[in-house]
Each structure stands twice: as structure tokens, then as C-alpha cells.
Amino acid sequence: MENSTVKEGKTAAIISYITIIGTIIAFIMNNSTKNTFTSFHIRQMIGLSLLSIVNTYVLGSLLGLGMVSMIIGVGIFVLWVLGLIGAVQGEEKRVPLLGDMFQDWFKGI
């Protein structure tokens, strides 16, 4: 059975995984009434979004490592799917490898 924090924040947590626009919308939704479950997933998605931007523009465009960038992009997509599944299931599962760092780096959110 889900507790009230998860029930109240589940929709915004799922929305946060729908592109960077969804993350911004979820952040605004969560701004007035802070929900720890939603904040957790927003932090995870901000980290994945920044990782994706760095991968695309630094590795893919500036350094010209298109194939490496593509392989890392597939990995980021897998991490995104794992985060989305955690939000849908009402769990605070950190994405493998980087989830702890995302929670630490963006703890002000």
C-alpha cells in the first residue's frame, strides 16, 4: 500500500520524466507544496538531462565522437527508463551509477 506522500507526488514525478519541459512543469508543481517523492525524481531527471546535454554537445558535436556519444546515449536512455519505472511503481530507486551523485548535487531542489 502506498503512503500519502507517494500518492500525492506520483503524478508530478512521472511528469518530470517527460522531457526537460516535463521536468520544469513538475518543478513548478512541486514548488508550492514540497513533496519528497516528487523532489527525488526531479533530481534524478535533472541529472539525466544534464548528462544527456553534455553527451550530445560535448562528445557528439565538439569532440566529434559521434559513435561514442550514441553508445552513451543508449545508456542514458536505459537509465531514464529505469527512473520512469521507479516513478510509476511509486519507488525511490536511484538510477544506477549516478543516482547518488544526482541526489547529492541537486539536494536543494
Protein backbone atom coordinates (compact mmCIF):
# COMPACT_ATOMS: atom_id res chain seq x y z
CA MET A 1 0.00 0.00 0.00
CA GLU A 2 1.35 3.40 -0.96
CA ASN A 3 1.74 6.11 1.63
CA SER A 4 0.21 9.56 1.14
CA THR A 5 3.49 11.21 0.10
CA VAL A 6 3.86 8.85 -2.85
CA LYS A 7 0.17 9.12 -3.80
CA GLU A 8 0.27 12.91 -3.78
CA GLY A 9 3.54 13.19 -5.67
CA LYS A 10 3.30 10.34 -8.15
CA THR A 11 1.75 12.32 -10.99
CA ALA A 12 4.35 15.10 -10.83
CA ALA A 13 7.14 12.52 -10.50
CA ILE A 14 6.00 10.80 -13.70
CA ILE A 15 5.62 14.15 -15.49
CA SER A 16 9.22 15.00 -14.57
CA TYR A 17 10.43 12.20 -16.85
CA ILE A 18 8.64 13.59 -19.92
CA THR A 19 11.42 15.69 -21.49
CA ILE A 20 13.02 18.73 -19.90
CA ILE A 21 9.71 20.60 -20.28
CA GLY A 22 8.05 17.98 -18.07
CA THR A 23 10.81 18.39 -15.51
CA ILE A 24 10.20 22.15 -15.42
CA ILE A 25 6.44 21.62 -15.09
CA ALA A 26 6.96 19.09 -12.27
CA PHE A 27 9.35 21.51 -10.55
CA ILE A 28 6.73 24.27 -10.69
CA MET A 29 4.01 21.88 -9.48
CA ASN A 30 6.24 20.81 -6.59
CA ASN A 31 7.35 24.33 -5.70
CA SER A 32 4.28 25.33 -3.69
CA THR A 33 3.83 22.08 -1.77
CA LYS A 34 7.14 20.29 -1.43
CA ASN A 35 6.74 16.55 -1.86
CA THR A 36 9.83 14.47 -1.09
CA PHE A 37 8.90 11.75 -3.59
CA THR A 38 8.47 14.24 -6.42
CA SER A 39 11.66 16.09 -5.45
CA PHE A 40 13.59 12.82 -5.54
CA HIS A 41 12.51 12.08 -9.11
CA ILE A 42 13.01 15.68 -10.26
CA ARG A 43 16.63 15.50 -9.02
CA GLN A 44 17.14 12.23 -10.88
CA MET A 45 15.74 13.66 -14.11
CA ILE A 46 17.71 16.91 -13.87
CA GLY A 47 20.86 14.83 -13.58
CA LEU A 48 19.92 12.65 -16.55
CA SER A 49 19.01 15.72 -18.63
CA LEU A 50 22.32 17.43 -17.91
CA LEU A 51 24.17 14.21 -18.64
CA SER A 52 22.35 13.92 -21.95
CA ILE A 53 23.12 17.53 -22.90
CA VAL A 54 26.81 17.11 -22.08
CA ASN A 55 26.90 13.84 -24.00
CA THR A 56 25.23 15.29 -27.07
CA TYR A 57 27.02 18.59 -27.32
CA VAL A 58 30.44 17.92 -25.85
CA LEU A 59 31.11 14.39 -27.03
CA GLY A 60 28.93 14.40 -30.13
CA SER A 61 29.44 17.89 -31.51
CA LEU A 62 32.56 19.48 -30.08
CA LEU A 63 34.81 16.42 -29.90
CA GLY A 64 33.31 14.67 -32.90
CA LEU A 65 32.91 11.35 -31.09
CA GLY A 66 29.54 10.53 -32.64
CA MET A 67 29.68 6.76 -32.17
CA VAL A 68 30.80 7.05 -28.54
CA SER A 69 28.10 9.64 -27.93
CA MET A 70 25.49 7.33 -29.45
CA ILE A 71 26.51 4.41 -27.22
CA ILE A 72 26.43 6.62 -24.12
CA GLY A 73 23.06 7.97 -25.30
CA VAL A 74 21.62 4.46 -25.31
CA GLY A 75 22.91 4.01 -21.75
CA ILE A 76 21.30 7.29 -20.68
CA PHE A 77 18.03 6.14 -22.27
CA VAL A 78 18.16 2.91 -20.24
CA LEU A 79 18.74 4.93 -17.06
CA TRP A 80 15.79 7.15 -18.00
CA VAL A 81 13.54 4.11 -18.44
CA LEU A 82 14.63 2.74 -15.04
CA GLY A 83 13.86 6.09 -13.39
CA LEU A 84 10.46 6.31 -15.07
CA ILE A 85 9.59 2.76 -13.99
CA GLY A 86 10.55 3.66 -10.42
CA ALA A 87 8.25 6.70 -10.50
CA VAL A 88 5.35 4.69 -11.94
CA GLN A 89 5.81 1.98 -9.30
CA GLY A 90 5.98 4.56 -6.51
CA GLU A 91 9.56 3.73 -5.54
CA GLU A 92 12.55 5.95 -4.88
CA LYS A 93 15.01 3.93 -6.92
CA ARG A 94 18.18 5.78 -7.77
CA VAL A 95 19.46 5.36 -11.29
CA PRO A 96 22.49 3.05 -11.31
CA LEU A 97 25.97 4.57 -11.12
CA LEU A 98 25.00 8.24 -10.90
CA GLY A 99 21.78 8.41 -8.86
CA ASP A 100 23.55 9.01 -5.55
CA MET A 101 25.52 11.88 -7.06
CA PHE A 102 22.38 13.42 -8.58
CA GLN A 103 20.68 13.37 -5.17
CA ASP A 104 23.73 15.00 -3.58
CA TRP A 105 24.35 17.61 -6.29
CA PHE A 106 20.76 18.78 -6.51
CA LYS A 107 19.74 18.41 -2.85
CA GLY A 108 18.43 22.00 -2.80
CA ILE A 109 15.52 21.01 -5.04
